[in-house]
N, C-alpha and C. Protein backbone atom coordinates (compact mmCIF):
# COMPACT_ATOMS: atom_id res chain seq x y z
N MET A 1 -96.61 -58.51 -80.35
CA MET A 1 -97.06 -57.26 -79.73
C MET A 1 -95.90 -56.66 -78.96
N THR A 2 -95.70 -55.38 -79.13
CA THR A 2 -94.62 -54.71 -78.41
C THR A 2 -95.19 -54.11 -77.12
N LEU A 3 -94.30 -53.80 -76.21
CA LEU A 3 -94.73 -53.20 -74.96
C LEU A 3 -95.38 -51.84 -75.18
N ASP A 4 -95.00 -51.16 -76.25
CA ASP A 4 -95.57 -49.85 -76.56
C ASP A 4 -97.06 -49.93 -76.86
N LYS A 5 -97.52 -51.09 -77.33
CA LYS A 5 -98.92 -51.25 -77.71
C LYS A 5 -99.82 -51.65 -76.54
N ILE A 6 -99.22 -51.97 -75.41
CA ILE A 6 -100.00 -52.36 -74.24
C ILE A 6 -100.46 -51.10 -73.53
N VAL A 7 -101.77 -50.96 -73.40
CA VAL A 7 -102.34 -49.78 -72.75
C VAL A 7 -102.95 -50.22 -71.42
N VAL A 8 -102.50 -49.61 -70.35
CA VAL A 8 -103.03 -49.92 -69.03
C VAL A 8 -103.88 -48.73 -68.59
N PRO A 9 -105.15 -48.98 -68.27
CA PRO A 9 -106.00 -47.85 -67.89
C PRO A 9 -105.57 -47.25 -66.56
N LYS A 10 -105.83 -45.96 -66.41
CA LYS A 10 -105.55 -45.29 -65.14
C LYS A 10 -106.78 -45.46 -64.25
N LEU A 11 -106.59 -46.13 -63.13
CA LEU A 11 -107.69 -46.37 -62.21
C LEU A 11 -107.41 -45.67 -60.89
N GLU A 12 -108.43 -45.08 -60.34
CA GLU A 12 -108.31 -44.40 -59.04
C GLU A 12 -109.42 -44.86 -58.12
N MET A 13 -109.16 -44.76 -56.83
CA MET A 13 -110.21 -44.97 -55.84
C MET A 13 -110.11 -43.86 -54.82
N GLU A 14 -111.23 -43.51 -54.25
CA GLU A 14 -111.22 -42.51 -53.21
C GLU A 14 -111.55 -43.20 -51.90
N LEU A 15 -110.62 -43.12 -50.98
CA LEU A 15 -110.78 -43.71 -49.65
C LEU A 15 -110.15 -42.80 -48.62
N PHE A 16 -110.81 -42.67 -47.51
CA PHE A 16 -110.30 -41.87 -46.39
C PHE A 16 -110.02 -40.43 -46.79
N GLY A 17 -110.87 -39.90 -47.68
CA GLY A 17 -110.76 -38.51 -48.08
C GLY A 17 -109.63 -38.21 -49.05
N GLU A 18 -109.04 -39.25 -49.63
CA GLU A 18 -107.94 -39.06 -50.58
C GLU A 18 -108.18 -39.88 -51.83
N LYS A 19 -107.66 -39.39 -52.96
CA LYS A 19 -107.67 -40.18 -54.18
C LYS A 19 -106.36 -40.95 -54.25
N TRP A 20 -106.47 -42.23 -54.58
CA TRP A 20 -105.31 -43.09 -54.66
C TRP A 20 -105.27 -43.73 -56.05
N ASN A 21 -104.11 -43.73 -56.69
CA ASN A 21 -103.95 -44.51 -57.91
C ASN A 21 -104.02 -45.97 -57.53
N CYS A 22 -104.61 -46.75 -58.38
CA CYS A 22 -104.79 -48.18 -58.10
C CYS A 22 -104.09 -48.95 -59.22
N GLU A 23 -102.95 -49.57 -58.89
CA GLU A 23 -102.18 -50.27 -59.91
C GLU A 23 -101.42 -51.44 -59.31
N PHE A 24 -101.09 -52.38 -60.18
CA PHE A 24 -100.30 -53.53 -59.77
C PHE A 24 -99.10 -53.66 -60.71
N LYS A 25 -98.03 -53.01 -60.32
CA LYS A 25 -96.78 -53.13 -61.07
C LYS A 25 -95.86 -54.05 -60.27
N LEU A 26 -94.75 -54.42 -60.87
CA LEU A 26 -93.83 -55.33 -60.19
C LEU A 26 -93.42 -54.83 -58.81
N ARG A 27 -93.21 -53.52 -58.70
CA ARG A 27 -92.78 -52.97 -57.41
C ARG A 27 -93.88 -53.17 -56.36
N ASN A 28 -95.16 -53.05 -56.75
CA ASN A 28 -96.24 -53.25 -55.78
C ASN A 28 -96.19 -54.67 -55.22
N PHE A 29 -96.01 -55.65 -56.11
CA PHE A 29 -95.95 -57.04 -55.67
C PHE A 29 -94.71 -57.29 -54.81
N ALA A 30 -93.59 -56.68 -55.17
CA ALA A 30 -92.36 -56.87 -54.41
C ALA A 30 -92.50 -56.31 -52.99
N VAL A 31 -93.11 -55.14 -52.85
CA VAL A 31 -93.30 -54.55 -51.52
C VAL A 31 -94.28 -55.39 -50.71
N LEU A 32 -95.34 -55.89 -51.35
CA LEU A 32 -96.30 -56.75 -50.65
C LEU A 32 -95.59 -57.99 -50.11
N ARG A 33 -94.76 -58.59 -50.95
CA ARG A 33 -94.04 -59.80 -50.52
C ARG A 33 -93.05 -59.48 -49.41
N ASN A 34 -92.31 -58.38 -49.54
CA ASN A 34 -91.32 -58.02 -48.52
C ASN A 34 -91.97 -57.62 -47.20
N THR A 35 -93.14 -56.98 -47.26
CA THR A 35 -93.78 -56.48 -46.05
C THR A 35 -94.61 -57.55 -45.33
N PHE A 36 -95.39 -58.32 -46.12
CA PHE A 36 -96.34 -59.27 -45.50
C PHE A 36 -96.08 -60.73 -45.88
N ASN A 37 -95.02 -60.98 -46.66
CA ASN A 37 -94.70 -62.32 -47.12
C ASN A 37 -95.87 -62.97 -47.88
N ILE A 38 -96.53 -62.17 -48.72
CA ILE A 38 -97.64 -62.64 -49.53
C ILE A 38 -97.22 -62.56 -50.99
N SER A 39 -97.28 -63.69 -51.68
CA SER A 39 -96.89 -63.72 -53.09
C SER A 39 -98.05 -63.22 -53.96
N GLU A 40 -97.71 -62.91 -55.20
CA GLU A 40 -98.75 -62.47 -56.13
C GLU A 40 -99.78 -63.58 -56.37
N HIS A 41 -99.32 -64.83 -56.36
CA HIS A 41 -100.25 -65.96 -56.53
C HIS A 41 -101.20 -66.06 -55.33
N GLN A 42 -100.66 -65.93 -54.13
CA GLN A 42 -101.51 -65.97 -52.94
C GLN A 42 -102.53 -64.84 -52.95
N LEU A 43 -102.09 -63.66 -53.37
CA LEU A 43 -102.99 -62.52 -53.43
C LEU A 43 -104.11 -62.78 -54.44
N LEU A 44 -103.75 -63.21 -55.63
CA LEU A 44 -104.74 -63.45 -56.67
C LEU A 44 -105.72 -64.54 -56.25
N THR A 45 -105.22 -65.62 -55.67
CA THR A 45 -106.09 -66.70 -55.20
C THR A 45 -107.00 -66.20 -54.08
N GLY A 46 -106.45 -65.44 -53.15
CA GLY A 46 -107.25 -64.89 -52.05
C GLY A 46 -108.34 -63.95 -52.54
N LEU A 47 -108.01 -63.14 -53.56
CA LEU A 47 -109.02 -62.24 -54.13
C LEU A 47 -110.12 -63.03 -54.82
N MET A 48 -109.74 -64.07 -55.57
CA MET A 48 -110.74 -64.89 -56.27
C MET A 48 -111.63 -65.63 -55.27
N ASP A 49 -111.06 -66.02 -54.14
CA ASP A 49 -111.83 -66.72 -53.10
C ASP A 49 -112.58 -65.76 -52.18
N LYS A 50 -112.45 -64.46 -52.45
CA LYS A 50 -113.12 -63.40 -51.69
C LYS A 50 -112.78 -63.44 -50.20
N LYS A 51 -111.52 -63.75 -49.90
CA LYS A 51 -111.05 -63.76 -48.52
C LYS A 51 -110.78 -62.32 -48.10
N LEU A 52 -111.43 -61.89 -47.04
CA LEU A 52 -111.39 -60.49 -46.64
C LEU A 52 -109.98 -59.97 -46.37
N GLU A 53 -109.13 -60.77 -45.74
CA GLU A 53 -107.79 -60.26 -45.45
C GLU A 53 -107.00 -60.02 -46.74
N PHE A 54 -107.21 -60.86 -47.76
CA PHE A 54 -106.51 -60.66 -49.02
C PHE A 54 -107.09 -59.48 -49.79
N ILE A 55 -108.36 -59.22 -49.61
CA ILE A 55 -108.95 -58.02 -50.21
C ILE A 55 -108.29 -56.78 -49.60
N ALA A 56 -108.11 -56.80 -48.29
CA ALA A 56 -107.45 -55.67 -47.61
C ALA A 56 -106.01 -55.53 -48.10
N TYR A 57 -105.28 -56.65 -48.21
CA TYR A 57 -103.90 -56.59 -48.70
C TYR A 57 -103.87 -56.10 -50.15
N GLY A 58 -104.84 -56.50 -50.95
CA GLY A 58 -104.92 -56.05 -52.34
C GLY A 58 -105.12 -54.55 -52.44
N ILE A 59 -106.01 -54.02 -51.61
CA ILE A 59 -106.24 -52.58 -51.58
C ILE A 59 -104.95 -51.88 -51.18
N TRP A 60 -104.34 -52.36 -50.12
CA TRP A 60 -103.11 -51.75 -49.61
C TRP A 60 -102.02 -51.77 -50.68
N ALA A 61 -101.80 -52.93 -51.28
CA ALA A 61 -100.71 -53.07 -52.25
C ALA A 61 -100.95 -52.26 -53.52
N SER A 62 -102.20 -52.16 -53.93
CA SER A 62 -102.49 -51.46 -55.19
C SER A 62 -102.41 -49.94 -55.05
N THR A 63 -102.35 -49.45 -53.83
CA THR A 63 -102.35 -48.00 -53.61
C THR A 63 -101.03 -47.46 -53.06
N ILE A 64 -99.98 -48.27 -53.10
CA ILE A 64 -98.67 -47.83 -52.61
C ILE A 64 -98.20 -46.63 -53.43
N VAL A 65 -97.72 -45.61 -52.75
CA VAL A 65 -97.13 -44.45 -53.43
C VAL A 65 -95.62 -44.58 -53.26
N PHE A 66 -94.94 -44.72 -54.38
CA PHE A 66 -93.49 -44.90 -54.33
C PHE A 66 -92.76 -43.56 -54.36
N ALA A 67 -91.61 -43.55 -53.70
CA ALA A 67 -90.72 -42.38 -53.75
C ALA A 67 -90.15 -42.30 -55.16
N PRO A 68 -89.63 -41.15 -55.55
CA PRO A 68 -88.99 -41.06 -56.87
C PRO A 68 -87.98 -42.19 -57.03
N PHE A 69 -87.91 -42.75 -58.22
CA PHE A 69 -87.08 -43.94 -58.45
C PHE A 69 -85.61 -43.68 -58.16
N ASP A 70 -85.04 -44.62 -57.42
CA ASP A 70 -83.61 -44.60 -57.10
C ASP A 70 -83.13 -46.03 -57.29
N ALA A 71 -82.21 -46.24 -58.22
CA ALA A 71 -81.74 -47.59 -58.52
C ALA A 71 -81.13 -48.27 -57.29
N ALA A 72 -80.61 -47.50 -56.36
CA ALA A 72 -80.03 -48.07 -55.14
C ALA A 72 -81.12 -48.59 -54.20
N ASP A 73 -82.34 -48.05 -54.32
CA ASP A 73 -83.45 -48.48 -53.47
C ASP A 73 -84.75 -48.41 -54.29
N PRO A 74 -84.92 -49.34 -55.25
CA PRO A 74 -86.05 -49.25 -56.18
C PRO A 74 -87.42 -49.48 -55.54
N LEU A 75 -87.46 -50.01 -54.33
CA LEU A 75 -88.73 -50.28 -53.66
C LEU A 75 -89.06 -49.25 -52.58
N LYS A 76 -88.36 -48.15 -52.60
CA LYS A 76 -88.58 -47.14 -51.57
C LYS A 76 -90.01 -46.58 -51.67
N VAL A 77 -90.71 -46.66 -50.55
CA VAL A 77 -92.11 -46.24 -50.49
C VAL A 77 -92.20 -44.86 -49.87
N GLU A 78 -92.98 -44.01 -50.50
CA GLU A 78 -93.21 -42.67 -49.95
C GLU A 78 -94.29 -42.73 -48.88
N ARG A 79 -95.41 -43.42 -49.22
CA ARG A 79 -96.47 -43.60 -48.23
C ARG A 79 -97.39 -44.72 -48.68
N THR A 80 -98.13 -45.25 -47.71
CA THR A 80 -99.11 -46.29 -47.99
C THR A 80 -100.41 -45.95 -47.27
N MET A 81 -101.44 -46.61 -47.68
CA MET A 81 -102.71 -46.49 -47.00
C MET A 81 -102.58 -47.23 -45.67
N ASP A 82 -103.28 -46.76 -44.66
CA ASP A 82 -103.23 -47.39 -43.34
C ASP A 82 -104.01 -48.71 -43.38
N LEU A 83 -103.29 -49.83 -43.23
CA LEU A 83 -103.92 -51.15 -43.29
C LEU A 83 -105.01 -51.30 -42.23
N GLU A 84 -104.79 -50.74 -41.06
CA GLU A 84 -105.80 -50.84 -40.00
C GLU A 84 -107.11 -50.18 -40.44
N LYS A 85 -107.02 -49.03 -41.08
CA LYS A 85 -108.23 -48.35 -41.57
C LYS A 85 -108.93 -49.19 -42.64
N ILE A 86 -108.15 -49.84 -43.50
CA ILE A 86 -108.75 -50.70 -44.52
C ILE A 86 -109.54 -51.82 -43.86
N LEU A 87 -108.95 -52.41 -42.81
CA LEU A 87 -109.61 -53.53 -42.12
C LEU A 87 -110.84 -53.08 -41.33
N GLU A 88 -111.00 -51.78 -41.14
CA GLU A 88 -112.16 -51.26 -40.42
C GLU A 88 -113.27 -50.75 -41.34
N LEU A 89 -113.11 -50.94 -42.66
CA LEU A 89 -114.14 -50.51 -43.60
C LEU A 89 -115.43 -51.30 -43.42
N SER A 90 -116.55 -50.69 -43.74
CA SER A 90 -117.81 -51.43 -43.74
C SER A 90 -117.82 -52.31 -44.99
N LEU A 91 -118.74 -53.26 -45.04
CA LEU A 91 -118.81 -54.14 -46.20
C LEU A 91 -119.13 -53.37 -47.48
N ALA A 92 -119.99 -52.35 -47.38
CA ALA A 92 -120.33 -51.54 -48.56
C ALA A 92 -119.10 -50.78 -49.07
N GLU A 93 -118.34 -50.18 -48.15
CA GLU A 93 -117.13 -49.46 -48.53
C GLU A 93 -116.10 -50.43 -49.12
N LEU A 94 -116.00 -51.59 -48.48
CA LEU A 94 -115.04 -52.59 -48.93
C LEU A 94 -115.39 -53.06 -50.35
N GLN A 95 -116.67 -53.24 -50.64
CA GLN A 95 -117.09 -53.69 -51.97
C GLN A 95 -116.69 -52.68 -53.04
N ALA A 96 -116.91 -51.41 -52.77
CA ALA A 96 -116.56 -50.37 -53.74
C ALA A 96 -115.05 -50.35 -54.00
N ALA A 97 -114.27 -50.48 -52.94
CA ALA A 97 -112.81 -50.49 -53.08
C ALA A 97 -112.35 -51.77 -53.80
N THR A 98 -112.97 -52.88 -53.46
CA THR A 98 -112.61 -54.17 -54.07
C THR A 98 -112.86 -54.14 -55.56
N ASP A 99 -113.95 -53.53 -55.99
CA ASP A 99 -114.24 -53.45 -57.43
C ASP A 99 -113.08 -52.78 -58.17
N GLN A 100 -112.54 -51.71 -57.58
CA GLN A 100 -111.42 -51.00 -58.21
C GLN A 100 -110.16 -51.86 -58.21
N VAL A 101 -109.91 -52.57 -57.11
CA VAL A 101 -108.71 -53.42 -57.02
C VAL A 101 -108.79 -54.53 -58.06
N VAL A 102 -109.95 -55.14 -58.21
CA VAL A 102 -110.11 -56.21 -59.18
C VAL A 102 -109.91 -55.67 -60.60
N LYS A 103 -110.46 -54.50 -60.89
CA LYS A 103 -110.24 -53.89 -62.21
C LYS A 103 -108.76 -53.64 -62.46
N ALA A 104 -108.07 -53.16 -61.43
CA ALA A 104 -106.63 -52.90 -61.56
C ALA A 104 -105.87 -54.20 -61.79
N MET A 105 -106.20 -55.23 -61.02
CA MET A 105 -105.53 -56.52 -61.16
C MET A 105 -105.75 -57.06 -62.58
N GLU A 106 -106.99 -56.99 -63.07
CA GLU A 106 -107.28 -57.47 -64.42
C GLU A 106 -106.52 -56.67 -65.47
N ALA A 107 -106.43 -55.37 -65.27
CA ALA A 107 -105.73 -54.51 -66.23
C ALA A 107 -104.25 -54.83 -66.30
N TYR A 108 -103.67 -55.27 -65.21
CA TYR A 108 -102.23 -55.52 -65.18
C TYR A 108 -101.86 -56.97 -65.48
N LEU A 109 -102.86 -57.87 -65.57
CA LEU A 109 -102.58 -59.26 -65.91
C LEU A 109 -102.51 -59.41 -67.42
N PRO A 110 -101.70 -60.34 -67.91
CA PRO A 110 -101.65 -60.55 -69.37
C PRO A 110 -103.00 -61.07 -69.87
N LYS A 111 -103.38 -60.61 -71.06
CA LYS A 111 -104.64 -61.04 -71.65
C LYS A 111 -104.44 -62.38 -72.33
N PRO A 112 -105.39 -63.34 -72.16
CA PRO A 112 -105.24 -64.62 -72.84
C PRO A 112 -105.41 -64.45 -74.35
N LYS A 113 -104.72 -65.29 -75.10
CA LYS A 113 -104.81 -65.26 -76.55
C LYS A 113 -106.12 -65.93 -76.96
N PRO A 114 -106.72 -65.52 -78.08
CA PRO A 114 -107.99 -66.13 -78.52
C PRO A 114 -107.91 -67.65 -78.63
N GLN A 115 -106.78 -68.18 -79.10
CA GLN A 115 -106.67 -69.63 -79.23
C GLN A 115 -106.65 -70.33 -77.86
N ASP A 116 -106.10 -69.66 -76.84
CA ASP A 116 -106.10 -70.24 -75.50
C ASP A 116 -107.51 -70.25 -74.92
N ILE A 117 -108.27 -69.20 -75.20
CA ILE A 117 -109.67 -69.14 -74.75
C ILE A 117 -110.47 -70.25 -75.41
N ALA A 118 -110.26 -70.45 -76.72
CA ALA A 118 -110.97 -71.50 -77.46
C ALA A 118 -110.63 -72.89 -76.90
N LYS A 119 -109.36 -73.12 -76.58
CA LYS A 119 -108.96 -74.41 -75.99
C LYS A 119 -109.63 -74.63 -74.65
N ALA A 120 -109.67 -73.60 -73.82
CA ALA A 120 -110.30 -73.72 -72.50
C ALA A 120 -111.79 -74.01 -72.64
N GLU A 121 -112.45 -73.35 -73.57
CA GLU A 121 -113.88 -73.58 -73.82
C GLU A 121 -114.11 -75.01 -74.30
N ALA A 122 -113.24 -75.49 -75.19
CA ALA A 122 -113.37 -76.85 -75.73
C ALA A 122 -113.23 -77.89 -74.62
N LYS A 123 -112.33 -77.65 -73.69
CA LYS A 123 -112.15 -78.57 -72.56
C LYS A 123 -113.35 -78.56 -71.63
N LYS A 124 -113.97 -77.39 -71.49
CA LYS A 124 -115.08 -77.23 -70.57
C LYS A 124 -116.34 -77.94 -71.07
N LYS A 125 -116.57 -77.97 -72.36
CA LYS A 125 -117.80 -78.54 -72.93
C LYS A 125 -117.98 -80.02 -72.60
N PRO A 126 -116.97 -80.90 -72.78
CA PRO A 126 -117.17 -82.31 -72.41
C PRO A 126 -117.46 -82.50 -70.92
N VAL A 127 -116.86 -81.69 -70.08
CA VAL A 127 -117.09 -81.78 -68.63
C VAL A 127 -118.53 -81.38 -68.32
N GLU A 128 -119.00 -80.28 -68.93
CA GLU A 128 -120.38 -79.84 -68.71
C GLU A 128 -121.36 -80.88 -69.20
N ALA A 129 -121.10 -81.48 -70.36
CA ALA A 129 -121.99 -82.50 -70.92
C ALA A 129 -122.04 -83.72 -70.02
N ALA A 130 -120.89 -84.14 -69.50
CA ALA A 130 -120.85 -85.30 -68.60
C ALA A 130 -121.60 -85.01 -67.31
N THR A 131 -121.49 -83.79 -66.80
CA THR A 131 -122.18 -83.40 -65.58
C THR A 131 -123.69 -83.43 -65.79
N LYS A 132 -124.15 -82.90 -66.91
CA LYS A 132 -125.58 -82.90 -67.22
C LYS A 132 -126.10 -84.32 -67.39
N LYS A 133 -125.33 -85.17 -68.06
CA LYS A 133 -125.71 -86.56 -68.29
C LYS A 133 -125.84 -87.29 -66.95
N ALA A 134 -124.90 -87.06 -66.05
CA ALA A 134 -124.92 -87.71 -64.73
C ALA A 134 -126.13 -87.23 -63.94
N ALA A 135 -126.45 -85.93 -64.03
CA ALA A 135 -127.61 -85.40 -63.32
C ALA A 135 -128.91 -86.00 -63.85
N LYS A 136 -129.03 -86.17 -65.19
CA LYS A 136 -130.22 -86.78 -65.78
C LYS A 136 -130.36 -88.23 -65.33
N LYS A 137 -129.23 -88.93 -65.33
CA LYS A 137 -129.23 -90.34 -64.93
C LYS A 137 -129.66 -90.48 -63.48
N LYS A 138 -129.19 -89.57 -62.64
CA LYS A 138 -129.53 -89.60 -61.22
C LYS A 138 -131.03 -89.36 -61.04
N LYS A 139 -131.61 -88.41 -61.80
CA LYS A 139 -133.04 -88.13 -61.72
C LYS A 139 -133.86 -89.31 -62.18
N SER A 140 -133.43 -89.98 -63.23
CA SER A 140 -134.20 -91.11 -63.75
C SER A 140 -134.14 -92.31 -62.83
N MET A 141 -133.15 -92.40 -61.99
CA MET A 141 -133.01 -93.51 -61.05
C MET A 141 -133.97 -93.37 -59.87
N LYS A 142 -134.47 -92.16 -59.64
CA LYS A 142 -135.34 -91.93 -58.48
C LYS A 142 -136.69 -92.50 -58.68
């Protein structure tokens, strides 16, 4: 597959009376790491664990507006969303924003190959069977 065939959807969110593009490109991750010392792995793990501070960092990082590209300063930021305002969102507002961030993160992550999915499923089946067997055994012992 060539890079030309990869299609990344355009995602937007509306927060604080503005529309923001929601994306995770290399520059977004680099600015997040430089600003808050949070790696892409930490962010992804925090989002999966539904940790509120990482949700806020994810919203912030995915909405960075970069200045026109300059090779001398490729991470130059034009503006960002106010992190304090993000942290003051209600849970309902946060959920709506989080849904967009998760969609953006998924869109920018590499898609697993069908054979990798099949391998993961095959590994999961013996574990599920053993868990069910242990649960039945535990019930019969009572």
